Amino acid sequence: MKETFYEFINYLKNPILEKDTNTTLNHRLKVLVHMFLFCAIFASIITPLFTLLEDLGWIDLDSHKVEEVFKDLPFYAVILVGGILIPFIEELMFRAPIVLFKKPKSFKIAFYFFAIVFGLIHITNFEITSTVLLLTPILVLPQLFAGFALGFLRIRFGLRWSVFLHCIYNIFFLSIALIFDS
């Protein structure tokens, strides 16, 4: 896991359009699990900060748009839409085009651009207020981190791997939210 973490951090310092030479399924599944764990741990570390912001009255997590959209849907529909369909569409929008940028400098810019826009677009999950806009960099940190992880997998292993990670990530957090809301 440590090796995957260092490879990911080094990649973020200098993203290049280069596939991983180890194409074994075992290796790729191991890295996929590691990347999921990194994303889940990062999101879990950030969660107390969201609780603090809510306790201060700066944000209202009860008015989160994801909960609003899925509140009347059965569990399977939430998982199908939020855990599979939306990640697939988002990966087509934010990760698929990255490989179109072949020159090293333009690739690096595209890699960062798509990850940052992916993170920022998730501010729409909140009710937009001036405070929420000011707190945007904090509120989208989990999605920003995930955007970099998804981009890493997309380049190193291919688009299907970023789709898999995105689906697993969303299904995991949607399931937790649904369990605690029950």
Protein backbone atom coordinates (compact mmCIF):
# COMPACT_ATOMS: atom_id res chain seq x y z
CA MET A 1 0.00 0.00 0.00
CA LYS A 2 2.90 2.28 0.83
CA GLU A 3 4.36 1.71 -2.63
CA THR A 4 1.06 2.62 -4.30
CA PHE A 5 0.80 5.75 -2.15
CA TYR A 6 4.29 6.94 -3.15
CA GLU A 7 3.64 6.13 -6.80
CA PHE A 8 0.41 8.17 -6.64
CA ILE A 9 2.07 11.15 -4.91
CA ASN A 10 4.97 11.11 -7.36
CA TYR A 11 2.52 10.94 -10.24
CA LEU A 12 0.66 13.99 -8.93
CA LYS A 13 3.94 15.91 -8.86
CA ASN A 14 4.53 15.19 -12.53
CA PRO A 15 1.60 13.58 -14.35
CA ILE A 16 2.56 12.00 -17.66
CA LEU A 17 0.55 10.18 -20.29
CA GLU A 18 1.99 6.73 -19.65
CA LYS A 19 0.29 3.42 -18.97
CA ASP A 20 1.46 1.09 -16.20
CA THR A 21 3.63 -1.67 -17.66
CA ASN A 22 2.30 -4.24 -15.17
CA THR A 23 -0.90 -5.42 -16.81
CA THR A 24 -1.67 -8.33 -14.49
CA LEU A 25 -5.19 -8.33 -13.08
CA ASN A 26 -3.89 -9.02 -9.57
CA HIS A 27 -1.68 -5.90 -9.65
CA ARG A 28 -4.45 -3.72 -11.02
CA LEU A 29 -7.02 -4.94 -8.48
CA LYS A 30 -4.52 -4.33 -5.67
CA VAL A 31 -3.89 -0.76 -6.85
CA LEU A 32 -7.65 -0.20 -7.31
CA VAL A 33 -8.30 -1.28 -3.70
CA HIS A 34 -5.44 0.90 -2.46
CA MET A 35 -6.75 3.93 -4.33
CA PHE A 36 -10.24 3.34 -2.94
CA LEU A 37 -8.81 3.13 0.57
CA PHE A 38 -6.84 6.37 0.06
CA CYS A 39 -10.01 8.15 -1.10
CA ALA A 40 -12.15 6.72 1.71
CA ILE A 41 -9.56 7.55 4.38
CA PHE A 42 -9.12 11.08 3.03
CA ALA A 43 -12.90 11.64 2.98
CA SER A 44 -13.18 10.24 6.51
CA ILE A 45 -10.45 12.56 7.78
CA ILE A 46 -12.22 15.58 6.25
CA THR A 47 -15.68 14.65 7.60
CA PRO A 48 -15.12 16.06 11.13
CA LEU A 49 -14.28 19.41 9.52
CA PHE A 50 -17.70 19.37 7.80
CA THR A 51 -19.31 18.61 11.15
CA LEU A 52 -17.49 21.56 12.70
CA LEU A 53 -18.63 23.86 9.88
CA GLU A 54 -22.19 22.67 10.40
CA ASP A 55 -21.95 23.15 14.19
CA LEU A 56 -20.76 26.71 13.57
CA GLY A 57 -23.87 27.23 11.42
CA TRP A 58 -21.85 27.91 8.27
CA ILE A 59 -23.24 25.00 6.24
CA ASP A 60 -26.33 22.83 6.42
CA LEU A 61 -25.54 19.22 5.64
CA ASP A 62 -29.22 18.33 5.97
CA SER A 63 -29.93 20.24 2.78
CA HIS A 64 -27.35 18.30 0.78
CA LYS A 65 -28.68 17.91 -2.77
CA VAL A 66 -27.70 14.23 -3.03
CA GLU A 67 -30.00 13.35 -0.14
CA GLU A 68 -32.75 15.49 -1.65
CA VAL A 69 -32.52 13.83 -5.07
CA PHE A 70 -32.49 10.28 -3.73
CA LYS A 71 -34.83 10.62 -0.71
CA ASP A 72 -37.87 8.94 -2.31
CA LEU A 73 -36.00 6.33 -4.33
CA PRO A 74 -35.60 2.71 -3.23
CA PHE A 75 -32.11 1.55 -2.26
CA TYR A 76 -31.49 -0.31 -5.53
CA ALA A 77 -32.41 2.80 -7.58
CA VAL A 78 -30.06 4.99 -5.55
CA ILE A 79 -27.24 2.50 -6.11
CA LEU A 80 -28.05 2.12 -9.80
CA VAL A 81 -28.25 5.86 -10.50
CA GLY A 82 -25.81 7.33 -7.96
CA GLY A 83 -23.45 4.40 -7.79
CA ILE A 84 -23.23 3.34 -11.42
CA LEU A 85 -24.90 5.68 -13.93
CA ILE A 86 -23.61 9.00 -12.59
CA PRO A 87 -20.01 7.78 -12.12
CA PHE A 88 -20.03 6.38 -15.67
CA ILE A 89 -21.23 9.71 -17.10
CA GLU A 90 -18.79 11.73 -14.98
CA GLU A 91 -15.87 9.55 -16.03
CA LEU A 92 -16.79 10.06 -19.68
CA MET A 93 -16.88 13.82 -19.08
CA PHE A 94 -13.89 14.32 -16.80
CA ARG A 95 -11.46 11.44 -17.42
CA ALA A 96 -12.02 10.17 -20.96
CA PRO A 97 -10.79 13.37 -22.70
CA ILE A 98 -7.49 13.54 -20.79
CA VAL A 99 -5.72 11.23 -23.26
CA LEU A 100 -6.48 13.60 -26.12
CA PHE A 101 -3.74 15.89 -24.82
CA LYS A 102 -0.56 14.27 -26.15
CA LYS A 103 2.06 16.95 -25.52
CA PRO A 104 3.54 16.69 -22.01
CA LYS A 105 2.77 20.27 -20.98
CA SER A 106 -0.80 20.25 -22.33
CA PHE A 107 -1.39 16.81 -20.79
CA LYS A 108 -0.28 18.03 -17.37
CA ILE A 109 -2.56 21.08 -17.61
CA ALA A 110 -5.48 18.90 -18.78
CA PHE A 111 -4.90 16.38 -15.97
CA TYR A 112 -5.03 19.07 -13.28
CA PHE A 113 -7.82 21.00 -15.01
CA PHE A 114 -10.19 18.02 -15.26
CA ALA A 115 -9.51 16.92 -11.67
CA ILE A 116 -10.09 20.43 -10.30
CA VAL A 117 -13.25 21.03 -12.35
CA PHE A 118 -14.52 17.61 -11.26
CA GLY A 119 -14.03 18.63 -7.63
CA LEU A 120 -15.51 22.09 -8.07
CA ILE A 121 -18.62 20.86 -9.89
CA HIS A 122 -19.57 19.00 -6.71
CA ILE A 123 -20.21 22.28 -4.90
CA THR A 124 -23.62 22.05 -6.57
CA ASN A 125 -24.37 19.26 -4.08
CA PHE A 126 -24.80 22.03 -1.51
CA GLU A 127 -27.37 24.78 -1.32
CA ILE A 128 -25.42 27.66 -2.81
CA THR A 129 -24.97 30.53 -0.38
CA SER A 130 -22.20 33.10 -0.07
CA THR A 131 -20.73 31.09 2.82
CA VAL A 132 -20.80 27.87 0.83
CA LEU A 133 -19.06 29.63 -2.06
CA LEU A 134 -16.37 30.93 0.29
CA LEU A 135 -15.92 27.44 1.74
CA THR A 136 -15.86 25.73 -1.67
CA PRO A 137 -12.17 24.73 -1.50
CA ILE A 138 -12.84 22.89 1.77
CA LEU A 139 -16.24 21.46 0.85
CA VAL A 140 -15.00 19.81 -2.35
CA LEU A 141 -11.72 18.44 -0.93
CA PRO A 142 -12.92 14.79 -0.96
CA GLN A 143 -14.05 15.07 -4.59
CA LEU A 144 -10.87 16.90 -5.56
CA PHE A 145 -8.75 14.15 -4.04
CA ALA A 146 -10.93 11.53 -5.72
CA GLY A 147 -10.58 13.40 -9.04
CA PHE A 148 -6.80 13.07 -8.85
CA ALA A 149 -7.07 9.39 -7.89
CA LEU A 150 -9.51 8.71 -10.72
CA GLY A 151 -7.26 10.52 -13.18
CA PHE A 152 -4.27 8.51 -11.99
CA LEU A 153 -6.09 5.21 -12.56
CA ARG A 154 -7.51 6.40 -15.87
CA ILE A 155 -4.07 7.12 -17.26
CA ARG A 156 -2.20 4.21 -15.72
CA PHE A 157 -4.80 1.45 -16.34
CA GLY A 158 -7.49 2.82 -18.65
CA LEU A 159 -10.95 4.37 -18.44
CA ARG A 160 -12.75 1.28 -17.14
CA TRP A 161 -10.56 1.31 -14.02
CA SER A 162 -11.47 4.90 -13.15
CA VAL A 163 -15.12 4.00 -13.73
CA PHE A 164 -14.74 0.99 -11.36
CA LEU A 165 -13.15 3.14 -8.67
CA HIS A 166 -15.77 5.87 -9.04
CA CYS A 167 -18.59 3.32 -8.79
CA ILE A 168 -17.09 1.64 -5.72
CA TYR A 169 -16.50 5.02 -4.05
CA ASN A 170 -20.05 6.27 -4.69
CA ILE A 171 -21.70 2.97 -3.74
CA PHE A 172 -19.71 2.85 -0.51
CA PHE A 173 -20.61 6.38 0.59
CA LEU A 174 -24.21 6.21 -0.65
CA SER A 175 -24.69 2.96 1.29
CA ILE A 176 -23.32 4.53 4.47
CA ALA A 177 -25.57 7.56 4.02
CA LEU A 178 -28.63 5.38 3.42
CA ILE A 179 -27.87 3.15 6.40
CA PHE A 180 -27.47 6.09 8.77
CA ASP A 181 -30.54 7.89 7.40
CA SER A 182 -32.74 4.83 7.97
